Amino acid sequence: MLFSIALITLLGFSLSEIFKKLALPGLLGMLATGILLGPYVLNLISPDMLHISADLREMALIVILIRAGLSLDLRDLKKVGRPAILMSFIPASFEIGAIILLAPILLGVTRIEAAILGAVVAAVSPAVVVPRMINLIESGYGKDKAIPQLIMAGASVDDIYVIILFTSFLGMYQGAGFSPMSLFKVPLSVILGLAFGIFLGFLMQKFFRIFHMRDTVKVLLILSISFLLVTLEAIAKPYVPFSALLAVMALSGTIREHYEILANRLMGKFGKIWVAAEILLFVLVGAEVDIGTIRTAGLASILLIVSALAFRMLGVNICLIKSRLNLKERLFCSVAYLPKATVQAAIGSIPLAAGVAAGDTILAVAVMAIIISAPIGAIGVDKLYMKLLAPPESKA
């Protein structure tokens, strides 16, 4: 495993810097590293590391969401309000609807298989989106209308909504049927995650005020509580829906709300941790990509993905009707909401393993969705934010 970590670090950072020199996002170099070193090309990543890949990726996501919470200002969130709620489910619904409509025509799958495919593809990637929005918050672009906060808040719930739908559609395929009550799990999961995260965040900031310790110890305590929350979600899943990742963001956001000086110091610490977490996350996501499945995807899959992304952009613009955002800012939100990576890598192979007849097609389209949308979204955000968003201190 040590050899794998060395290869991932050396090649990952090298390709990341090369891509940056080419004016491309560094994460593309990390994804390329994972594809090259992964089991489908050179097979140089230790099987032991691949076995715990899902846990390592989840740890990296936790670091992202802690940073997101420490960056969020509740006063900014109040500015966005309704659009943030709508963006948590409308764009994904539009994308799933488009795939249910088009996939049977383009790929020859059944409607229920198309629904499963839609739920696999529709989730936005917080791993791609959130770090970029944090950078925008720090730089001040879009601050006047809280655009980065809007995108982060919507994206954090988008995944919950889509994964619950995925579980429901897969259950329908396997004969369990679809219960309208399953949709009730979405708001319940959000409410419980937020409530528990806020409660723990309030307790932790009180604890940090009473007991003085190094900030490094505080970072370790926050990470440990966050890992426990993820474990609690797995235990509670059969009984009650609960979003641990949302709880993690709420926890760190509450610390910021009540202890801003500490939150600003911790942001620097977690920023350093993210340097290592980022490369692990994107390299291991890349290692999940079976480029052999791309050959089976074909032009029909590309057309399906592009059409679904167009519907997603339409959904984003519907969410922003009657908002304060102008056309340029709405275009930015649409582009920022495109990337797929982490969820698709995590659940893309589940239908095939579960015996879904079109499982190989679903996996191929999931891989193609990562390859198409992650670069478009990442490059789009990196290249467009200065052109489309109000600069710092601007009241435009």
Protein backbone atom coordinates (compact mmCIF):
# COMPACT_ATOMS: atom_id res chain seq x y z
CA MET A 1 0.00 0.00 0.00
CA LEU A 2 2.93 2.37 0.67
CA PHE A 3 4.10 1.93 -2.92
CA SER A 4 0.58 2.79 -4.13
CA ILE A 5 0.45 5.92 -1.99
CA ALA A 6 3.86 7.01 -3.33
CA LEU A 7 2.75 6.49 -6.94
CA ILE A 8 -0.56 8.26 -6.38
CA THR A 9 1.17 11.25 -4.78
CA LEU A 10 4.04 11.59 -7.26
CA LEU A 11 2.08 11.01 -10.45
CA GLY A 12 -1.07 12.71 -9.19
CA PHE A 13 0.61 15.99 -8.29
CA SER A 14 2.79 15.87 -11.42
CA LEU A 15 -0.14 15.42 -13.80
CA SER A 16 -2.16 17.97 -11.85
CA GLU A 17 0.56 20.59 -12.38
CA ILE A 18 0.93 19.65 -16.05
CA PHE A 19 -2.82 20.10 -16.58
CA LYS A 20 -2.69 23.46 -14.80
CA LYS A 21 0.12 24.56 -17.14
CA LEU A 22 -2.21 23.66 -20.01
CA ALA A 23 -4.87 25.94 -18.43
CA LEU A 24 -6.97 22.91 -17.41
CA PRO A 25 -8.22 22.03 -13.90
CA GLY A 26 -5.70 20.03 -11.88
CA LEU A 27 -8.38 17.52 -10.87
CA LEU A 28 -8.37 16.21 -14.45
CA GLY A 29 -4.74 15.21 -13.98
CA MET A 30 -5.69 13.43 -10.75
CA LEU A 31 -8.54 11.59 -12.49
CA ALA A 32 -6.14 10.62 -15.29
CA THR A 33 -3.69 9.33 -12.66
CA GLY A 34 -6.37 7.09 -11.19
CA ILE A 35 -7.35 5.74 -14.60
CA LEU A 36 -3.70 4.99 -15.49
CA LEU A 37 -2.77 3.40 -12.16
CA GLY A 38 -6.12 1.69 -11.63
CA PRO A 39 -7.07 -1.95 -12.19
CA TYR A 40 -8.31 -1.35 -15.75
CA VAL A 41 -5.00 -0.04 -17.17
CA LEU A 42 -1.65 -0.53 -15.34
CA ASN A 43 -3.11 -2.10 -12.18
CA LEU A 44 -0.50 -0.55 -9.88
CA ILE A 45 -2.77 0.42 -7.01
CA SER A 46 -2.75 -2.10 -4.18
CA PRO A 47 -5.91 -4.24 -3.90
CA ASP A 48 -5.89 -3.46 -0.18
CA MET A 49 -6.16 0.25 -0.99
CA LEU A 50 -8.90 -0.32 -3.54
CA HIS A 51 -10.76 -2.37 -0.94
CA ILE A 52 -10.96 0.67 1.36
CA SER A 53 -11.33 3.13 -1.53
CA ALA A 54 -14.96 3.95 -0.66
CA ASP A 55 -14.00 4.79 2.93
CA LEU A 56 -11.09 6.95 1.84
CA ARG A 57 -13.28 8.84 -0.63
CA GLU A 58 -15.90 9.39 2.05
CA MET A 59 -13.25 10.76 4.40
CA ALA A 60 -12.19 13.20 1.69
CA LEU A 61 -15.81 14.27 1.17
CA ILE A 62 -16.12 14.88 4.91
CA VAL A 63 -13.11 17.21 4.76
CA ILE A 64 -14.75 19.10 1.87
CA LEU A 65 -18.03 19.51 3.72
CA ILE A 66 -16.36 20.61 6.94
CA ARG A 67 -14.57 23.30 4.94
CA ALA A 68 -17.88 24.21 3.32
CA GLY A 69 -19.58 24.61 6.70
CA LEU A 70 -16.72 26.68 8.08
CA SER A 71 -17.06 28.95 5.02
CA LEU A 72 -20.84 29.40 5.16
CA ASP A 73 -22.31 32.52 6.64
CA LEU A 74 -25.96 32.07 7.64
CA ARG A 75 -26.65 35.68 6.70
CA ASP A 76 -25.60 34.83 3.15
CA LEU A 77 -27.78 31.71 3.12
CA LYS A 78 -30.79 33.80 4.14
CA LYS A 79 -30.23 35.89 1.02
CA VAL A 80 -30.73 32.90 -1.31
CA GLY A 81 -33.56 31.11 0.56
CA ARG A 82 -36.11 29.69 -1.91
CA PRO A 83 -33.72 29.12 -4.89
CA ALA A 84 -31.40 27.00 -2.71
CA ILE A 85 -34.32 24.75 -1.72
CA LEU A 86 -35.52 24.42 -5.32
CA MET A 87 -32.02 23.64 -6.60
CA SER A 88 -31.78 20.71 -4.22
CA PHE A 89 -34.26 18.68 -6.28
CA ILE A 90 -35.59 20.40 -9.44
CA PRO A 91 -32.45 20.19 -11.66
CA ALA A 92 -31.94 16.52 -10.75
CA SER A 93 -35.64 15.81 -11.41
CA PHE A 94 -35.40 17.41 -14.85
CA GLU A 95 -32.31 15.35 -15.66
CA ILE A 96 -33.87 12.09 -14.47
CA GLY A 97 -37.05 12.90 -16.41
CA ALA A 98 -35.05 13.50 -19.59
CA ILE A 99 -33.25 10.17 -19.22
CA ILE A 100 -36.49 8.29 -18.54
CA LEU A 101 -37.90 9.85 -21.71
CA LEU A 102 -34.85 9.43 -23.99
CA ALA A 103 -32.93 6.36 -22.78
CA PRO A 104 -35.50 3.78 -24.03
CA ILE A 105 -35.31 5.39 -27.49
CA LEU A 106 -31.53 5.85 -27.65
CA LEU A 107 -30.32 2.80 -25.71
CA GLY A 108 -33.21 0.35 -25.94
CA VAL A 109 -33.63 -0.03 -22.18
CA THR A 110 -36.92 -0.32 -20.32
CA ARG A 111 -38.52 2.63 -18.50
CA ILE A 112 -37.58 1.34 -15.07
CA GLU A 113 -34.01 0.70 -16.21
CA ALA A 114 -33.97 4.25 -17.60
CA ALA A 115 -35.17 5.53 -14.20
CA ILE A 116 -32.31 3.69 -12.45
CA LEU A 117 -29.88 5.10 -15.01
CA GLY A 118 -31.26 8.60 -14.46
CA ALA A 119 -30.77 8.34 -10.71
CA VAL A 120 -27.18 7.13 -11.19
CA VAL A 121 -26.28 9.96 -13.55
CA ALA A 122 -28.24 12.87 -12.04
CA ALA A 123 -26.28 13.61 -8.84
CA VAL A 124 -24.00 16.65 -8.94
CA SER A 125 -20.49 16.10 -7.57
CA PRO A 126 -19.75 18.00 -4.33
CA ALA A 127 -16.12 16.95 -4.74
CA VAL A 128 -15.84 19.08 -7.86
CA VAL A 129 -18.28 21.85 -6.96
CA VAL A 130 -17.70 22.62 -3.26
CA PRO A 131 -13.93 23.37 -3.33
CA ARG A 132 -14.49 25.79 -6.20
CA MET A 133 -17.32 27.54 -4.38
CA ILE A 134 -15.13 27.84 -1.26
CA ASN A 135 -12.46 29.49 -3.41
CA LEU A 136 -15.05 31.94 -4.73
CA ILE A 137 -16.22 32.77 -1.20
CA GLU A 138 -12.62 33.46 -0.19
CA SER A 139 -11.96 35.57 -3.29
CA GLY A 140 -15.26 37.48 -3.00
CA TYR A 141 -16.69 36.75 -6.44
CA GLY A 142 -20.49 36.51 -6.40
CA LYS A 143 -20.52 37.50 -2.73
CA ASP A 144 -23.13 40.26 -3.08
CA LYS A 145 -25.83 37.75 -4.09
CA ALA A 146 -24.34 34.76 -2.19
CA ILE A 147 -24.03 32.70 -5.39
CA PRO A 148 -21.34 30.27 -4.14
CA GLN A 149 -23.41 29.64 -1.00
CA LEU A 150 -26.50 29.01 -3.11
CA ILE A 151 -24.70 26.39 -5.20
CA MET A 152 -23.09 24.69 -2.19
CA ALA A 153 -26.36 24.48 -0.26
CA GLY A 154 -28.31 23.07 -3.20
CA ALA A 155 -25.60 20.57 -4.17
CA SER A 156 -25.36 19.18 -0.64
CA VAL A 157 -29.03 18.10 -0.68
CA ASP A 158 -29.12 17.16 -4.38
CA ASP A 159 -27.13 13.99 -3.70
CA ILE A 160 -29.44 12.89 -0.87
CA TYR A 161 -32.49 13.30 -3.09
CA VAL A 162 -30.97 11.39 -5.99
CA ILE A 163 -29.60 8.49 -3.92
CA ILE A 164 -32.98 7.95 -2.24
CA LEU A 165 -34.62 7.87 -5.69
CA PHE A 166 -31.95 5.43 -6.89
CA THR A 167 -32.72 3.08 -4.00
CA SER A 168 -36.46 3.35 -4.70
CA PHE A 169 -36.13 2.68 -8.45
CA LEU A 170 -33.82 -0.28 -7.86
CA GLY A 171 -36.33 -1.66 -5.36
CA MET A 172 -39.10 -1.32 -7.98
CA TYR A 173 -37.00 -3.25 -10.50
CA GLN A 174 -36.43 -6.03 -7.97
CA GLY A 175 -40.15 -6.27 -7.24
CA ALA A 176 -40.33 -4.33 -4.00
CA GLY A 177 -42.50 -1.66 -5.61
CA PHE A 178 -42.42 2.09 -5.13
CA SER A 179 -43.82 3.64 -1.99
CA PRO A 180 -44.78 7.33 -2.08
CA MET A 181 -43.53 7.40 1.51
CA SER A 182 -39.99 6.93 0.16
CA LEU A 183 -40.12 10.53 -1.08
CA PHE A 184 -40.91 11.62 2.48
CA LYS A 185 -37.46 10.32 3.41
CA VAL A 186 -35.82 13.20 1.55
CA PRO A 187 -37.07 16.09 3.75
CA LEU A 188 -36.87 13.90 6.87
CA SER A 189 -33.23 13.03 6.10
CA VAL A 190 -32.43 16.71 5.56
CA ILE A 191 -34.21 17.90 8.71
CA LEU A 192 -32.68 15.25 10.97
CA GLY A 193 -29.21 15.77 9.50
CA LEU A 194 -29.40 19.54 9.98
CA ALA A 195 -30.89 19.29 13.49
CA PHE A 196 -28.32 16.79 14.74
CA GLY A 197 -25.43 18.67 13.14
CA ILE A 198 -26.52 22.01 14.62
CA PHE A 199 -26.93 20.43 18.07
CA LEU A 200 -23.46 18.85 17.99
CA GLY A 201 -21.89 22.00 16.58
CA PHE A 202 -23.37 24.05 19.41
CA LEU A 203 -22.01 21.59 21.99
CA MET A 204 -18.57 21.50 20.37
CA GLN A 205 -18.12 25.27 20.25
CA LYS A 206 -19.09 25.42 23.93
CA PHE A 207 -16.57 22.65 24.67
CA PHE A 208 -13.82 24.50 22.78
CA ARG A 209 -14.50 27.68 24.76
CA ILE A 210 -14.24 25.86 28.10
CA PHE A 211 -11.33 23.50 27.37
CA HIS A 212 -8.32 25.15 25.75
CA MET A 213 -6.30 22.96 23.39
CA ARG A 214 -4.29 23.25 20.23
CA ASP A 215 -6.21 23.85 17.02
CA THR A 216 -4.75 20.62 15.63
CA VAL A 217 -6.48 18.69 18.42
CA LYS A 218 -9.73 20.51 17.64
CA VAL A 219 -9.41 19.46 13.99
CA LEU A 220 -8.95 15.83 15.03
CA LEU A 221 -11.98 16.00 17.34
CA ILE A 222 -14.18 17.50 14.61
CA LEU A 223 -13.03 14.82 12.16
CA SER A 224 -13.69 12.06 14.70
CA ILE A 225 -17.21 13.32 15.44
CA SER A 226 -17.84 13.54 11.69
CA PHE A 227 -16.71 9.95 11.18
CA LEU A 228 -19.03 8.87 14.00
CA LEU A 229 -21.91 10.67 12.27
CA VAL A 230 -21.29 8.67 9.09
CA THR A 231 -21.24 5.47 11.14
CA LEU A 232 -24.49 6.51 12.84
CA GLU A 233 -26.13 7.01 9.44
CA ALA A 234 -25.27 3.42 8.47
CA ILE A 235 -26.68 2.08 11.75
CA ALA A 236 -29.87 4.18 11.57
CA LYS A 237 -30.52 3.58 7.86
CA PRO A 238 -32.94 0.63 8.30
CA TYR A 239 -35.01 2.61 10.78
CA VAL A 240 -34.85 6.31 10.01
CA PRO A 241 -33.29 8.34 7.16
CA PHE A 242 -30.49 10.59 8.29
CA SER A 243 -27.98 12.56 6.20
CA ALA A 244 -24.62 12.36 7.91
CA LEU A 245 -22.83 14.50 5.32
CA LEU A 246 -25.38 17.27 5.75
CA ALA A 247 -24.98 16.93 9.52
CA VAL A 248 -21.21 17.36 9.10
CA MET A 249 -21.69 20.59 7.17
CA ALA A 250 -24.25 21.84 9.71
CA LEU A 251 -21.90 21.02 12.58
CA SER A 252 -19.04 23.06 11.15
CA GLY A 253 -21.42 25.82 10.06
CA THR A 254 -22.72 26.12 13.63
CA ILE A 255 -19.17 26.42 14.94
CA ARG A 256 -18.66 29.30 12.51
CA GLU A 257 -21.93 30.96 13.56
CA HIS A 258 -21.07 30.90 17.27
CA TYR A 259 -17.25 31.01 17.25
CA GLU A 260 -16.14 32.77 14.07
CA ILE A 261 -12.58 33.46 15.20
CA LEU A 262 -11.99 29.75 15.74
CA ALA A 263 -13.70 28.85 12.47
CA ASN A 264 -11.34 31.12 10.53
CA ARG A 265 -8.33 29.45 12.14
CA LEU A 266 -9.68 25.97 11.49
CA MET A 267 -10.31 26.85 7.83
CA GLY A 268 -6.56 27.13 7.36
CA LYS A 269 -5.97 23.75 9.00
CA PHE A 270 -8.60 21.98 6.92
CA GLY A 271 -7.29 23.70 3.81
CA LYS A 272 -3.95 21.95 4.38
CA ILE A 273 -5.66 18.59 4.99
CA TRP A 274 -7.58 19.07 1.74
CA VAL A 275 -4.30 19.07 -0.22
CA ALA A 276 -3.87 15.38 0.65
CA ALA A 277 -7.58 14.52 0.69
CA GLU A 278 -8.14 15.97 -2.78
CA ILE A 279 -5.54 13.83 -4.49
CA LEU A 280 -6.79 10.67 -2.77
CA LEU A 281 -10.39 11.45 -3.69
CA PHE A 282 -9.92 12.15 -7.38
CA VAL A 283 -7.27 9.50 -8.02
CA LEU A 284 -9.46 6.84 -6.40
CA VAL A 285 -12.49 8.08 -8.34
CA GLY A 286 -10.41 7.74 -11.50
CA ALA A 287 -9.40 4.22 -10.47
CA GLU A 288 -13.09 3.27 -10.47
CA VAL A 289 -13.43 4.25 -14.12
CA ASP A 290 -13.36 1.25 -16.43
CA ILE A 291 -12.35 2.82 -19.72
CA GLY A 292 -13.27 -0.47 -21.40
CA THR A 293 -16.92 0.35 -20.81
CA ILE A 294 -16.55 3.50 -22.91
CA ARG A 295 -16.38 1.36 -26.04
CA THR A 296 -19.82 -0.03 -25.23
CA ALA A 297 -21.31 3.40 -24.57
CA GLY A 298 -21.32 4.69 -28.14
CA LEU A 299 -22.60 7.93 -29.61
CA ALA A 300 -26.13 7.28 -28.33
CA SER A 301 -24.88 7.50 -24.75
CA ILE A 302 -23.06 10.75 -25.45
CA LEU A 303 -26.21 12.21 -27.00
CA LEU A 304 -28.22 11.06 -23.98
CA ILE A 305 -25.80 12.65 -21.49
CA VAL A 306 -25.61 15.94 -23.38
CA SER A 307 -29.42 16.09 -23.64
CA ALA A 308 -29.81 15.29 -19.94
CA LEU A 309 -27.32 18.03 -19.02
CA ALA A 310 -29.32 20.49 -21.12
CA PHE A 311 -32.44 19.56 -19.15
CA ARG A 312 -30.49 20.00 -15.90
CA MET A 313 -29.50 23.52 -16.98
CA LEU A 314 -33.14 24.25 -17.78
CA GLY A 315 -34.07 23.07 -14.28
CA VAL A 316 -31.46 25.38 -12.71
CA ASN A 317 -32.86 28.37 -14.60
CA ILE A 318 -36.41 27.54 -13.50
CA CYS A 319 -35.20 27.52 -9.88
CA LEU A 320 -33.78 31.02 -10.36
CA ILE A 321 -36.94 32.61 -11.77
CA LYS A 322 -37.80 35.75 -9.75
CA SER A 323 -34.41 35.63 -8.03
CA ARG A 324 -32.04 38.61 -7.97
CA LEU A 325 -29.59 36.89 -10.33
CA ASN A 326 -29.03 38.31 -13.80
CA LEU A 327 -28.58 36.24 -16.98
CA LYS A 328 -24.80 35.94 -16.61
CA GLU A 329 -25.09 34.75 -13.02
CA ARG A 330 -27.78 32.23 -13.96
CA LEU A 331 -25.51 30.88 -16.70
CA PHE A 332 -22.72 30.47 -14.15
CA CYS A 333 -25.03 28.55 -11.79
CA SER A 334 -26.08 26.29 -14.67
CA VAL A 335 -22.48 25.46 -15.55
CA ALA A 336 -21.43 25.00 -11.91
CA TYR A 337 -24.25 22.46 -11.45
CA LEU A 338 -23.04 20.16 -14.25
CA PRO A 339 -20.11 18.09 -12.87
CA LYS A 340 -20.55 14.44 -11.97
CA ALA A 341 -17.88 12.24 -10.39
CA THR A 342 -18.14 10.86 -6.85
CA VAL A 343 -21.70 9.51 -6.73
CA GLN A 344 -21.44 7.99 -10.21
CA ALA A 345 -18.20 6.23 -9.26
CA ALA A 346 -19.79 5.00 -6.02
CA ILE A 347 -23.09 3.61 -7.34
CA GLY A 348 -22.54 3.15 -11.09
CA SER A 349 -21.71 -0.54 -10.74
CA ILE A 350 -24.46 -1.40 -8.22
CA PRO A 351 -27.20 -2.12 -10.81
CA LEU A 352 -24.90 -4.56 -12.63
CA ALA A 353 -24.07 -6.32 -9.36
CA ALA A 354 -27.79 -6.39 -8.46
CA GLY A 355 -28.66 -8.23 -11.67
CA VAL A 356 -30.26 -5.38 -13.62
CA ALA A 357 -30.37 -6.52 -17.26
CA ALA A 358 -29.05 -3.18 -18.51
CA GLY A 359 -26.46 -2.97 -15.73
CA ASP A 360 -23.51 -2.89 -18.13
CA THR A 361 -25.13 -0.06 -20.09
CA ILE A 362 -25.83 1.88 -16.89
CA LEU A 363 -22.19 1.52 -15.82
CA ALA A 364 -20.94 2.62 -19.24
CA VAL A 365 -23.14 5.72 -19.24
CA ALA A 366 -22.09 6.56 -15.65
CA VAL A 367 -18.43 6.43 -16.69
CA MET A 368 -19.12 8.54 -19.77
CA ALA A 369 -21.03 11.06 -17.63
CA ILE A 370 -17.95 11.55 -15.43
CA ILE A 371 -15.64 11.94 -18.42
CA ILE A 372 -17.93 14.46 -20.15
CA SER A 373 -19.37 16.51 -17.30
CA ALA A 374 -16.50 16.75 -14.78
CA PRO A 375 -14.17 18.57 -17.22
CA ILE A 376 -16.97 20.76 -18.62
CA GLY A 377 -18.13 21.82 -15.17
CA ALA A 378 -14.66 22.28 -13.68
CA ILE A 379 -13.26 24.17 -16.67
CA GLY A 380 -16.46 26.18 -16.98
CA VAL A 381 -16.33 27.38 -13.38
CA ASP A 382 -12.60 28.11 -13.51
CA LYS A 383 -12.81 30.03 -16.77
CA LEU A 384 -16.12 31.84 -16.38
CA TYR A 385 -16.42 33.08 -12.82
CA MET A 386 -14.46 36.29 -13.48
CA LYS A 387 -16.57 37.01 -16.55
CA LEU A 388 -20.00 36.12 -15.18
CA LEU A 389 -19.93 36.98 -11.47
CA ALA A 390 -19.68 40.38 -9.79
CA PRO A 391 -16.12 40.97 -8.56
CA PRO A 392 -15.32 41.64 -4.89
CA GLU A 393 -16.94 44.78 -3.44
CA SER A 394 -19.03 45.23 -6.59
CA LYS A 395 -22.76 45.88 -6.10
CA ALA A 396 -23.69 45.09 -9.69
